């Protein structure tokens, strides 16, 4: 999926579960990039994550979900701005994302081990 050219119309055609799982896929990719030599790639992942979250907020119709997603976005934005983000903080944010949706929450054990 080319996130930079992804339109709001195309993104809104996905279900909420598909949107959250797409963001989670980027979070999972970022989970493997905490070595010093991967910091640039980690920042790129966070940029894609923020872009997808922004699209989700822009196209979402449920105000309460949008509010919670914006709160979650703040966690990722802090990781993005931190010159030395910690994998433990990333893991907490990843788990919080998955907990936003029942379908996504079933993935917690698989991707985070608990």
PDB file of N, CA and C in Angstrom:
ATOM      1  N   UNK A   1       0.846  -1.173   0.000  1.00  0.00           N
ATOM      2  CA  UNK A   1       0.000   0.000   0.000  1.00  0.00           C
ATOM      3  C   UNK A   1       0.892   1.236   0.000  1.00  0.00           C
ATOM      4  N   UNK A   2       0.715   2.106  -0.937  1.00  0.00           N
ATOM      5  CA  UNK A   2       1.492   3.344  -1.037  1.00  0.00           C
ATOM      6  C   UNK A   2       0.783   4.404  -0.202  1.00  0.00           C
ATOM      7  N   UNK A   3       1.249   4.633   1.015  1.00  0.00           N
ATOM      8  CA  UNK A   3       0.526   5.494   1.948  1.00  0.00           C
ATOM      9  C   UNK A   3       0.519   6.960   1.531  1.00  0.00           C
ATOM     10  N   UNK A   4       1.595   7.432   0.951  1.00  0.00           N
ATOM     11  CA  UNK A   4       1.664   8.852   0.598  1.00  0.00           C
ATOM     12  C   UNK A   4       0.601   9.219  -0.438  1.00  0.00           C
ATOM     13  N   UNK A   5       0.308   8.309  -1.332  1.00  0.00           N
ATOM     14  CA  UNK A   5      -0.674   8.608  -2.380  1.00  0.00           C
ATOM     15  C   UNK A   5      -2.049   8.007  -2.079  1.00  0.00           C
ATOM     16  N   UNK A   6      -2.220   7.444  -0.907  1.00  0.00           N
ATOM     17  CA  UNK A   6      -3.492   6.833  -0.532  1.00  0.00           C
ATOM     18  C   UNK A   6      -4.546   7.912  -0.330  1.00  0.00           C
ATOM     19  N   UNK A   7      -5.639   7.795  -1.046  1.00  0.00           N
ATOM     20  CA  UNK A   7      -6.702   8.796  -0.938  1.00  0.00           C
ATOM     21  C   UNK A   7      -7.633   8.475   0.234  1.00  0.00           C
ATOM     22  N   UNK A   8      -8.261   9.519   0.736  1.00  0.00           N
ATOM     23  CA  UNK A   8      -9.243   9.348   1.802  1.00  0.00           C
ATOM     24  C   UNK A   8     -10.388   8.471   1.317  1.00  0.00           C
ATOM     25  N   UNK A   9     -10.764   8.625   0.059  1.00  0.00           N
ATOM     26  CA  UNK A   9     -11.853   7.819  -0.499  1.00  0.00           C
ATOM     27  C   UNK A   9     -11.496   6.326  -0.484  1.00  0.00           C
ATOM     28  N   UNK A  10     -10.299   6.017  -0.919  1.00  0.00           N
ATOM     29  CA  UNK A  10      -9.869   4.615  -0.939  1.00  0.00           C
ATOM     30  C   UNK A  10      -9.739   4.050   0.483  1.00  0.00           C
ATOM     31  N   UNK A  11      -9.187   4.860   1.388  1.00  0.00           N
ATOM     32  CA  UNK A  11      -9.019   4.425   2.775  1.00  0.00           C
ATOM     33  C   UNK A  11     -10.376   4.198   3.434  1.00  0.00           C
ATOM     34  N   UNK A  12     -11.338   5.078   3.161  1.00  0.00           N
ATOM     35  CA  UNK A  12     -12.649   4.960   3.802  1.00  0.00           C
ATOM     36  C   UNK A  12     -13.426   3.745   3.301  1.00  0.00           C
ATOM     37  N   UNK A  13     -13.010   3.157   2.186  1.00  0.00           N
ATOM     38  CA  UNK A  13     -13.661   1.944   1.689  1.00  0.00           C
ATOM     39  C   UNK A  13     -13.306   0.728   2.547  1.00  0.00           C
ATOM     40  N   UNK A  14     -12.234   0.845   3.340  1.00  0.00           N
ATOM     41  CA  UNK A  14     -11.849  -0.251   4.232  1.00  0.00           C
ATOM     42  C   UNK A  14     -12.711  -0.219   5.487  1.00  0.00           C
ATOM     43  N   UNK A  15     -12.917  -1.370   6.087  1.00  0.00           N
ATOM     44  CA  UNK A  15     -13.630  -1.419   7.364  1.00  0.00           C
ATOM     45  C   UNK A  15     -12.733  -0.845   8.453  1.00  0.00           C
ATOM     46  N   UNK A  16     -13.325  -0.489   9.576  1.00  0.00           N
ATOM     47  CA  UNK A  16     -12.554   0.005  10.702  1.00  0.00           C
ATOM     48  C   UNK A  16     -11.496  -1.020  11.123  1.00  0.00           C
ATOM     49  N   UNK A  17     -11.873  -2.298  11.108  1.00  0.00           N
ATOM     50  CA  UNK A  17     -10.926  -3.352  11.471  1.00  0.00           C
ATOM     51  C   UNK A  17      -9.739  -3.376  10.514  1.00  0.00           C
ATOM     52  N   UNK A  18     -10.024  -3.246   9.218  1.00  0.00           N
ATOM     53  CA  UNK A  18      -8.942  -3.252   8.232  1.00  0.00           C
ATOM     54  C   UNK A  18      -8.037  -2.031   8.409  1.00  0.00           C
ATOM     55  N   UNK A  19      -8.619  -0.901   8.730  1.00  0.00           N
ATOM     56  CA  UNK A  19      -7.815   0.294   8.956  1.00  0.00           C
ATOM     57  C   UNK A  19      -6.899   0.116  10.166  1.00  0.00           C
ATOM     58  N   UNK A  20      -7.464  -0.341  11.265  1.00  0.00           N
ATOM     59  CA  UNK A  20      -6.665  -0.535  12.484  1.00  0.00           C
ATOM     60  C   UNK A  20      -5.584  -1.590  12.247  1.00  0.00           C
ATOM     61  N   UNK A  21      -5.927  -2.659  11.566  1.00  0.00           N
ATOM     62  CA  UNK A  21      -4.938  -3.703  11.300  1.00  0.00           C
ATOM     63  C   UNK A  21      -3.848  -3.219  10.336  1.00  0.00           C
ATOM     64  N   UNK A  22      -4.168  -2.303   9.450  1.00  0.00           N
ATOM     65  CA  UNK A  22      -3.147  -1.719   8.576  1.00  0.00           C
ATOM     66  C   UNK A  22      -2.177  -0.861   9.380  1.00  0.00           C
ATOM     67  N   UNK A  23      -2.714  -0.085  10.304  1.00  0.00           N
ATOM     68  CA  UNK A  23      -1.857   0.705  11.190  1.00  0.00           C
ATOM     69  C   UNK A  23      -1.013  -0.238  12.049  1.00  0.00           C
ATOM     70  N   UNK A  24      -1.646  -1.298  12.538  1.00  0.00           N
ATOM     71  CA  UNK A  24      -0.928  -2.281  13.360  1.00  0.00           C
ATOM     72  C   UNK A  24       0.196  -2.949  12.574  1.00  0.00           C
ATOM     73  N   UNK A  25      -0.019  -3.177  11.296  1.00  0.00           N
ATOM     74  CA  UNK A  25       1.031  -3.758  10.468  1.00  0.00           C
ATOM     75  C   UNK A  25       2.261  -2.851  10.444  1.00  0.00           C
ATOM     76  N   UNK A  26       2.035  -1.557  10.330  1.00  0.00           N
ATOM     77  CA  UNK A  26       3.162  -0.604  10.370  1.00  0.00           C
ATOM     78  C   UNK A  26       3.813  -0.593  11.753  1.00  0.00           C
ATOM     79  N   UNK A  27       3.002  -0.678  12.798  1.00  0.00           N
ATOM     80  CA  UNK A  27       3.563  -0.744  14.157  1.00  0.00           C
ATOM     81  C   UNK A  27       4.418  -1.998  14.317  1.00  0.00           C
ATOM     82  N   UNK A  28       3.951  -3.096  13.766  1.00  0.00           N
ATOM     83  CA  UNK A  28       4.710  -4.339  13.842  1.00  0.00           C
ATOM     84  C   UNK A  28       6.041  -4.196  13.097  1.00  0.00           C
ATOM     85  N   UNK A  29       5.989  -3.579  11.923  1.00  0.00           N
ATOM     86  CA  UNK A  29       7.213  -3.341  11.146  1.00  0.00           C
ATOM     87  C   UNK A  29       8.178  -2.477  11.957  1.00  0.00           C
ATOM     88  N   UNK A  30       7.655  -1.429  12.597  1.00  0.00           N
ATOM     89  CA  UNK A  30       8.491  -0.529  13.395  1.00  0.00           C
ATOM     90  C   UNK A  30       9.108  -1.240  14.591  1.00  0.00           C
ATOM     91  N   UNK A  31       8.436  -2.266  15.098  1.00  0.00           N
ATOM     92  CA  UNK A  31       8.926  -3.000  16.272  1.00  0.00           C
ATOM     93  C   UNK A  31      10.313  -3.591  16.067  1.00  0.00           C
ATOM     94  N   UNK A  32      10.674  -3.788  14.829  1.00  0.00           N
ATOM     95  CA  UNK A  32      11.949  -4.434  14.504  1.00  0.00           C
ATOM     96  C   UNK A  32      13.056  -3.433  14.194  1.00  0.00           C
ATOM     97  N   UNK A  33      12.803  -2.137  14.409  1.00  0.00           N
ATOM     98  CA  UNK A  33      13.726  -1.103  13.946  1.00  0.00           C
ATOM     99  C   UNK A  33      14.274  -0.225  15.068  1.00  0.00           C
ATOM    100  N   UNK A  34      14.599  -0.798  16.195  1.00  0.00           N
ATOM    101  CA  UNK A  34      15.067   0.003  17.321  1.00  0.00           C
ATOM    102  C   UNK A  34      16.584   0.041  17.486  1.00  0.00           C
ATOM    103  N   UNK A  35      17.321  -0.532  16.549  1.00  0.00           N
ATOM    104  CA  UNK A  35      18.778  -0.394  16.629  1.00  0.00           C
ATOM    105  C   UNK A  35      19.157   0.988  16.103  1.00  0.00           C
ATOM    106  N   UNK A  36      20.306   1.482  16.503  1.00  0.00           N
ATOM    107  CA  UNK A  36      20.727   2.832  16.105  1.00  0.00           C
ATOM    108  C   UNK A  36      20.798   3.003  14.597  1.00  0.00           C
ATOM    109  N   UNK A  37      21.251   1.981  13.888  1.00  0.00           N
ATOM    110  CA  UNK A  37      21.375   2.093  12.437  1.00  0.00           C
ATOM    111  C   UNK A  37      20.021   2.095  11.722  1.00  0.00           C
ATOM    112  N   UNK A  38      18.955   1.734  12.416  1.00  0.00           N
ATOM    113  CA  UNK A  38      17.621   1.703  11.810  1.00  0.00           C
ATOM    114  C   UNK A  38      16.754   2.910  12.188  1.00  0.00           C
ATOM    115  N   UNK A  39      17.319   3.906  12.849  1.00  0.00           N
ATOM    116  CA  UNK A  39      16.510   5.043  13.331  1.00  0.00           C
ATOM    117  C   UNK A  39      15.793   5.767  12.195  1.00  0.00           C
ATOM    118  N   UNK A  40      16.419   5.911  11.051  1.00  0.00           N
ATOM    119  CA  UNK A  40      15.772   6.563   9.916  1.00  0.00           C
ATOM    120  C   UNK A  40      14.583   5.774   9.426  1.00  0.00           C
ATOM    121  N   UNK A  41      14.737   4.466   9.344  1.00  0.00           N
ATOM    122  CA  UNK A  41      13.629   3.603   8.913  1.00  0.00           C
ATOM    123  C   UNK A  41      12.511   3.607   9.946  1.00  0.00           C
ATOM    124  N   UNK A  42      12.873   3.673  11.225  1.00  0.00           N
ATOM    125  CA  UNK A  42      11.865   3.744  12.285  1.00  0.00           C
ATOM    126  C   UNK A  42      11.060   5.034  12.149  1.00  0.00           C
ATOM    127  N   UNK A  43      11.737   6.149  11.928  1.00  0.00           N
ATOM    128  CA  UNK A  43      11.043   7.425  11.744  1.00  0.00           C
ATOM    129  C   UNK A  43      10.099   7.354  10.543  1.00  0.00           C
ATOM    130  N   UNK A  44      10.541   6.707   9.469  1.00  0.00           N
ATOM    131  CA  UNK A  44       9.676   6.552   8.288  1.00  0.00           C
ATOM    132  C   UNK A  44       8.429   5.739   8.620  1.00  0.00           C
ATOM    133  N   UNK A  45       8.592   4.697   9.416  1.00  0.00           N
ATOM    134  CA  UNK A  45       7.428   3.899   9.836  1.00  0.00           C
ATOM    135  C   UNK A  45       6.464   4.755  10.638  1.00  0.00           C
ATOM    136  N   UNK A  46       6.997   5.535  11.576  1.00  0.00           N
ATOM    137  CA  UNK A  46       6.128   6.394  12.371  1.00  0.00           C
ATOM    138  C   UNK A  46       5.412   7.426  11.498  1.00  0.00           C
ATOM    139  N   UNK A  47       6.086   7.933  10.476  1.00  0.00           N
ATOM    140  CA  UNK A  47       5.427   8.865   9.555  1.00  0.00           C
ATOM    141  C   UNK A  47       4.261   8.182   8.842  1.00  0.00           C
ATOM    142  N   UNK A  48       4.472   6.942   8.393  1.00  0.00           N
ATOM    143  CA  UNK A  48       3.386   6.209   7.727  1.00  0.00           C
ATOM    144  C   UNK A  48       2.242   5.941   8.704  1.00  0.00           C
ATOM    145  N   UNK A  49       2.574   5.592   9.926  1.00  0.00           N
ATOM    146  CA  UNK A  49       1.559   5.334  10.951  1.00  0.00           C
ATOM    147  C   UNK A  49       0.724   6.593  11.180  1.00  0.00           C
ATOM    148  N   UNK A  50       1.389   7.717  11.348  1.00  0.00           N
ATOM    149  CA  UNK A  50       0.674   8.974  11.573  1.00  0.00           C
ATOM    150  C   UNK A  50      -0.207   9.324  10.377  1.00  0.00           C
ATOM    151  N   UNK A  51       0.279   9.080   9.182  1.00  0.00           N
ATOM    152  CA  UNK A  51      -0.507   9.337   7.961  1.00  0.00           C
ATOM    153  C   UNK A  51      -1.776   8.471   7.949  1.00  0.00           C
ATOM    154  N   UNK A  52      -1.628   7.193   8.264  1.00  0.00           N
ATOM    155  CA  UNK A  52      -2.794   6.300   8.267  1.00  0.00           C
ATOM    156  C   UNK A  52      -3.790   6.678   9.361  1.00  0.00           C
ATOM    157  N   UNK A  53      -3.279   7.053  10.509  1.00  0.00           N
ATOM    158  CA  UNK A  53      -4.169   7.483  11.591  1.00  0.00           C
ATOM    159  C   UNK A  53      -4.902   8.755  11.185  1.00  0.00           C
ATOM    160  N   UNK A  54      -4.194   9.674  10.559  1.00  0.00           N
ATOM    161  CA  UNK A  54      -4.846  10.906  10.098  1.00  0.00           C
ATOM    162  C   UNK A  54      -5.953  10.598   9.094  1.00  0.00           C
ATOM    163  N   UNK A  55      -5.700   9.663   8.189  1.00  0.00           N
ATOM    164  CA  UNK A  55      -6.741   9.260   7.237  1.00  0.00           C
ATOM    165  C   UNK A  55      -7.934   8.633   7.958  1.00  0.00           C
ATOM    166  N   UNK A  56      -7.655   7.829   8.958  1.00  0.00           N
ATOM    167  CA  UNK A  56      -8.720   7.180   9.720  1.00  0.00           C
ATOM    168  C   UNK A  56      -9.568   8.228  10.434  1.00  0.00           C
ATOM    169  N   UNK A  57      -8.924   9.202  11.037  1.00  0.00           N
ATOM    170  CA  UNK A  57      -9.638  10.275  11.730  1.00  0.00           C
ATOM    171  C   UNK A  57     -10.443  11.097  10.731  1.00  0.00           C
ATOM    172  N   UNK A  58      -9.823  11.394   9.601  1.00  0.00           N
ATOM    173  CA  UNK A  58     -10.477  12.212   8.568  1.00  0.00           C
ATOM    174  C   UNK A  58     -11.726  11.539   8.011  1.00  0.00           C
ATOM    175  N   UNK A  59     -11.685  10.236   7.864  1.00  0.00           N
ATOM    176  CA  UNK A  59     -12.794   9.527   7.216  1.00  0.00           C
ATOM    177  C   UNK A  59     -13.735   8.850   8.207  1.00  0.00           C
ATOM    178  N   UNK A  60     -13.395   8.886   9.488  1.00  0.00           N
ATOM    179  CA  UNK A  60     -14.195   8.189  10.489  1.00  0.00           C
ATOM    180  C   UNK A  60     -15.530   8.856  10.747  1.00  0.00           C
ATOM    181  N   UNK A  61     -16.477   8.051  11.137  1.00  0.00           N
ATOM    182  CA  UNK A  61     -17.821   8.574  11.408  1.00  0.00           C
ATOM    183  C   UNK A  61     -18.219   8.438  12.870  1.00  0.00           C
ATOM    184  N   UNK A  62     -17.406   7.765  13.660  1.00  0.00           N
ATOM    185  CA  UNK A  62     -17.743   7.559  15.071  1.00  0.00           C
ATOM    186  C   UNK A  62     -16.921   8.514  15.935  1.00  0.00           C
ATOM    187  N   UNK A  63     -17.564   9.541  16.486  1.00  0.00           N
ATOM    188  CA  UNK A  63     -16.824  10.547  17.265  1.00  0.00           C
ATOM    189  C   UNK A  63     -16.059   9.979  18.456  1.00  0.00           C
ATOM    190  N   UNK A  64     -16.625   9.024  19.164  1.00  0.00           N
ATOM    191  CA  UNK A  64     -15.925   8.484  20.333  1.00  0.00           C
ATOM    192  C   UNK A  64     -14.680   7.712  19.916  1.00  0.00           C
ATOM    193  N   UNK A  65     -14.775   6.947  18.838  1.00  0.00           N
ATOM    194  CA  UNK A  65     -13.603   6.227  18.343  1.00  0.00           C
ATOM    195  C   UNK A  65     -12.555   7.216  17.847  1.00  0.00           C
ATOM    196  N   UNK A  66     -12.982   8.234  17.154  1.00  0.00           N
ATOM    197  CA  UNK A  66     -12.064   9.253  16.635  1.00  0.00           C
ATOM    198  C   UNK A  66     -11.314   9.923  17.786  1.00  0.00           C
ATOM    199  N   UNK A  67     -12.019  10.228  18.864  1.00  0.00           N
ATOM    200  CA  UNK A  67     -11.390  10.839  20.039  1.00  0.00           C
ATOM    201  C   UNK A  67     -10.317   9.926  20.625  1.00  0.00           C
ATOM    202  N   UNK A  68     -10.647   8.640  20.780  1.00  0.00           N
ATOM    203  CA  UNK A  68      -9.677   7.692  21.335  1.00  0.00           C
ATOM    204  C   UNK A  68      -8.488   7.500  20.403  1.00  0.00           C
ATOM    205  N   UNK A  69      -8.736   7.486  19.111  1.00  0.00           N
ATOM    206  CA  UNK A  69      -7.655   7.332  18.147  1.00  0.00           C
ATOM    207  C   UNK A  69      -6.730   8.552  18.167  1.00  0.00           C
ATOM    208  N   UNK A  70      -7.292   9.734  18.338  1.00  0.00           N
ATOM    209  CA  UNK A  70      -6.458  10.934  18.444  1.00  0.00           C
ATOM    210  C   UNK A  70      -5.603  10.904  19.705  1.00  0.00           C
ATOM    211  N   UNK A  71      -6.144  10.387  20.780  1.00  0.00           N
ATOM    212  CA  UNK A  71      -5.338  10.218  22.000  1.00  0.00           C
ATOM    213  C   UNK A  71      -4.197   9.245  21.735  1.00  0.00           C
ATOM    214  N   UNK A  72      -4.497   8.153  21.040  1.00  0.00           N
ATOM    215  CA  UNK A  72      -3.468   7.168  20.716  1.00  0.00           C
ATOM    216  C   UNK A  72      -2.414   7.796  19.799  1.00  0.00           C
ATOM    217  N   UNK A  73      -2.865   8.623  18.873  1.00  0.00           N
ATOM    218  CA  UNK A  73      -1.946   9.280  17.946  1.00  0.00           C
ATOM    219  C   UNK A  73      -0.894  10.088  18.705  1.00  0.00           C
ATOM    220  N   UNK A  74      -1.303  10.697  19.822  1.00  0.00           N
ATOM    221  CA  UNK A  74      -0.352  11.452  20.640  1.00  0.00           C
ATOM    222  C   UNK A  74       0.790  10.568  21.138  1.00  0.00           C
ATOM    223  N   UNK A  75       0.500   9.317  21.464  1.00  0.00           N
ATOM    224  CA  UNK A  75       1.552   8.382  21.895  1.00  0.00           C
ATOM    225  C   UNK A  75       2.578   8.160  20.796  1.00  0.00           C
ATOM    226  N   UNK A  76       2.087   7.944  19.590  1.00  0.00           N
ATOM    227  CA  UNK A  76       2.980   7.694  18.462  1.00  0.00           C
ATOM    228  C   UNK A  76       3.737   8.961  18.084  1.00  0.00           C
ATOM    229  N   UNK A  77       3.070  10.098  18.143  1.00  0.00           N
ATOM    230  CA  UNK A  77       3.748  11.352  17.834  1.00  0.00           C
ATOM    231  C   UNK A  77       4.904  11.588  18.809  1.00  0.00           C
ATOM    232  N   UNK A  78       4.699  11.258  20.073  1.00  0.00           N
ATOM    233  CA  UNK A  78       5.778  11.404  21.059  1.00  0.00           C
ATOM    234  C   UNK A  78       6.945  10.463  20.727  1.00  0.00           C
ATOM    235  N   UNK A  79       6.641   9.243  20.324  1.00  0.00           N
ATOM    236  CA  UNK A  79       7.699   8.312  19.919  1.00  0.00           C
ATOM    237  C   UNK A  79       8.446   8.839  18.701  1.00  0.00           C
ATOM    238  N   UNK A  80       7.715   9.381  17.758  1.00  0.00           N
ATOM    239  CA  UNK A  80       8.302   9.923  16.536  1.00  0.00           C
ATOM    240  C   UNK A  80       9.254  11.085  16.847  1.00  0.00           C
ATOM    241  N   UNK A  81       8.856  11.950  17.768  1.00  0.00           N
ATOM    242  CA  UNK A  81       9.657  13.127  18.104  1.00  0.00           C
ATOM    243  C   UNK A  81      10.824  12.822  19.043  1.00  0.00           C
ATOM    244  N   UNK A  82      10.762  11.696  19.732  1.00  0.00           N
ATOM    245  CA  UNK A  82      11.823  11.317  20.665  1.00  0.00           C
ATOM    246  C   UNK A  82      13.070  10.899  19.882  1.00  0.00           C
ATOM    247  N   UNK A  83      14.216  11.519  20.146  1.00  0.00           N
ATOM    248  CA  UNK A  83      15.426  11.131  19.416  1.00  0.00           C
ATOM    249  C   UNK A  83      15.896   9.709  19.749  1.00  0.00           C
ATOM    250  N   UNK A  84      15.473   9.191  20.887  1.00  0.00           N
ATOM    251  CA  UNK A  84      15.833   7.830  21.296  1.00  0.00           C
ATOM    252  C   UNK A  84      14.613   7.081  21.816  1.00  0.00           C
ATOM    253  N   UNK A  85      13.655   6.798  20.936  1.00  0.00           N
ATOM    254  CA  UNK A  85      12.455   6.099  21.411  1.00  0.00           C
ATOM    255  C   UNK A  85      12.811   4.707  21.934  1.00  0.00           C
ATOM    256  N   UNK A  86      12.078   4.287  22.934  1.00  0.00           N
ATOM    257  CA  UNK A  86      12.339   2.984  23.547  1.00  0.00           C
ATOM    258  C   UNK A  86      11.336   1.957  23.033  1.00  0.00           C
ATOM    259  N   UNK A  87      11.830   0.761  22.821  1.00  0.00           N
ATOM    260  CA  UNK A  87      10.964  -0.302  22.319  1.00  0.00           C
ATOM    261  C   UNK A  87       9.856  -0.629  23.316  1.00  0.00           C
ATOM    262  N   UNK A  88      10.119  -0.467  24.611  1.00  0.00           N
ATOM    263  CA  UNK A  88       9.083  -0.748  25.615  1.00  0.00           C
ATOM    264  C   UNK A  88       7.913   0.225  25.476  1.00  0.00           C
ATOM    265  N   UNK A  89       8.200   1.493  25.208  1.00  0.00           N
ATOM    266  CA  UNK A  89       7.133   2.474  25.005  1.00  0.00           C
ATOM    267  C   UNK A  89       6.371   2.169  23.721  1.00  0.00           C
ATOM    268  N   UNK A  90       7.113   1.743  22.705  1.00  0.00           N
ATOM    269  CA  UNK A  90       6.477   1.365  21.446  1.00  0.00           C
ATOM    270  C   UNK A  90       5.512   0.197  21.677  1.00  0.00           C
ATOM    271  N   UNK A  91       5.957  -0.770  22.435  1.00  0.00           N
ATOM    272  CA  UNK A  91       5.131  -1.954  22.721  1.00  0.00           C
ATOM    273  C   UNK A  91       3.844  -1.564  23.442  1.00  0.00           C
ATOM    274  N   UNK A  92       3.938  -0.646  24.385  1.00  0.00           N
ATOM    275  CA  UNK A  92       2.748  -0.171  25.108  1.00  0.00           C
ATOM    276  C   UNK A  92       1.783   0.503  24.132  1.00  0.00           C
ATOM    277  N   UNK A  93       2.319   1.340  23.248  1.00  0.00           N
ATOM    278  CA  UNK A  93       1.473   2.020  22.262  1.00  0.00           C
ATOM    279  C   UNK A  93       0.853   1.013  21.293  1.00  0.00           C
ATOM    280  N   UNK A  94       1.630   0.017  20.892  1.00  0.00           N
ATOM    281  CA  UNK A  94       1.146  -1.019  19.972  1.00  0.00           C
ATOM    282  C   UNK A  94      -0.019  -1.776  20.604  1.00  0.00           C
ATOM    283  N   UNK A  95       0.142  -2.164  21.844  1.00  0.00           N
ATOM    284  CA  UNK A  95      -0.923  -2.897  22.536  1.00  0.00           C
ATOM    285  C   UNK A  95      -2.173  -2.024  22.680  1.00  0.00           C
ATOM    286  N   UNK A  96      -1.975  -0.747  23.003  1.00  0.00           N
ATOM    287  CA  UNK A  96      -3.119   0.165  23.140  1.00  0.00           C
ATOM    288  C   UNK A  96      -3.873   0.287  21.818  1.00  0.00           C
ATOM    289  N   UNK A  97      -3.143   0.348  20.711  1.00  0.00           N
ATOM    290  CA  UNK A  97      -3.796   0.399  19.401  1.00  0.00           C
ATOM    291  C   UNK A  97      -4.663  -0.826  19.181  1.00  0.00           C
ATOM    292  N   UNK A  98      -4.101  -1.994  19.420  1.00  0.00           N
ATOM    293  CA  UNK A  98      -4.844  -3.230  19.186  1.00  0.00           C
ATOM    294  C   UNK A  98      -6.074  -3.332  20.084  1.00  0.00           C
ATOM    295  N   UNK A  99      -6.010  -2.736  21.249  1.00  0.00           N
ATOM    296  CA  UNK A  99      -7.140  -2.776  22.174  1.00  0.00           C
ATOM    297  C   UNK A  99      -8.287  -1.847  21.761  1.00  0.00           C
ATOM    298  N   UNK A 100      -8.072  -1.016  20.765  1.00  0.00           N
ATOM    299  CA  UNK A 100      -9.124  -0.108  20.303  1.00  0.00           C
ATOM    300  C   UNK A 100     -10.242  -0.811  19.541  1.00  0.00           C
ATOM    301  N   UNK A 101      -9.980  -2.048  19.128  1.00  0.00           N
ATOM    302  CA  UNK A 101     -10.952  -2.756  18.294  1.00  0.00           C
ATOM    303  C   UNK A 101     -10.955  -4.236  18.677  1.00  0.00           C
ATOM    304  N   UNK A 102     -12.125  -4.840  18.857  1.00  0.00           N
ATOM    305  CA  UNK A 102     -12.190  -6.246  19.269  1.00  0.00           C
ATOM    306  C   UNK A 102     -11.492  -7.208  18.303  1.00  0.00           C
ATOM    307  N   UNK A 103     -11.621  -6.972  17.008  1.00  0.00           N
ATOM    308  CA  UNK A 103     -10.975  -7.847  16.027  1.00  0.00           C
ATOM    309  C   UNK A 103      -9.460  -7.712  16.143  1.00  0.00           C
ATOM    310  N   UNK A 104      -8.984  -6.467  16.242  1.00  0.00           N
ATOM    311  CA  UNK A 104      -7.545  -6.231  16.370  1.00  0.00           C
ATOM    312  C   UNK A 104      -7.022  -6.768  17.701  1.00  0.00           C
ATOM    313  N   UNK A 105      -7.825  -6.669  18.753  1.00  0.00           N
ATOM    314  CA  UNK A 105      -7.387  -7.132  20.079  1.00  0.00           C
ATOM    315  C   UNK A 105      -7.057  -8.617  20.084  1.00  0.00           C
ATOM    316  N   UNK A 106      -7.673  -9.377  19.203  1.00  0.00           N
ATOM    317  CA  UNK A 106      -7.376 -10.815  19.132  1.00  0.00           C
ATOM    318  C   UNK A 106      -5.959 -11.071  18.633  1.00  0.00           C
ATOM    319  N   UNK A 107      -5.310 -10.056  18.094  1.00  0.00           N
ATOM    320  CA  UNK A 107      -3.942 -10.198  17.584  1.00  0.00           C
ATOM    321  C   UNK A 107      -2.878  -9.959  18.658  1.00  0.00           C
ATOM    322  N   UNK A 108      -3.269  -9.471  19.815  1.00  0.00           N
ATOM    323  CA  UNK A 108      -2.297  -9.110  20.858  1.00  0.00           C
ATOM    324  C   UNK A 108      -1.406 -10.293  21.209  1.00  0.00           C
ATOM    325  N   UNK A 109      -1.992 -11.406  21.490  1.00  0.00           N
ATOM    326  CA  UNK A 109      -1.202 -12.589  21.866  1.00  0.00           C
ATOM    327  C   UNK A 109      -0.257 -12.991  20.735  1.00  0.00           C
ATOM    328  N   UNK A 110      -0.729 -12.919  19.523  1.00  0.00           N
ATOM    329  CA  UNK A 110       0.084 -13.332  18.366  1.00  0.00           C
ATOM    330  C   UNK A 110       1.282 -12.412  18.143  1.00  0.00           C
ATOM    331  N   UNK A 111       1.067 -11.104  18.166  1.00  0.00           N
ATOM    332  CA  UNK A 111       2.163 -10.185  17.825  1.00  0.00           C
ATOM    333  C   UNK A 111       2.945  -9.677  19.033  1.00  0.00           C
ATOM    334  N   UNK A 112       2.331  -9.663  20.198  1.00  0.00           N
ATOM    335  CA  UNK A 112       3.020  -9.137  21.380  1.00  0.00           C
ATOM    336  C   UNK A 112       3.242 -10.178  22.463  1.00  0.00           C
ATOM    337  N   UNK A 113       2.645 -11.324  22.298  1.00  0.00           N
ATOM    338  CA  UNK A 113       2.840 -12.378  23.272  1.00  0.00           C
ATOM    339  C   UNK A 113       2.153 -12.171  24.603  1.00  0.00           C
ATOM    340  N   UNK A 114       1.145 -11.316  24.635  1.00  0.00           N
ATOM    341  CA  UNK A 114       0.416 -11.179  25.884  1.00  0.00           C
ATOM    342  C   UNK A 114      -0.084  -9.851  26.205  1.00  0.00           C
TER     343      UNK A 114
END
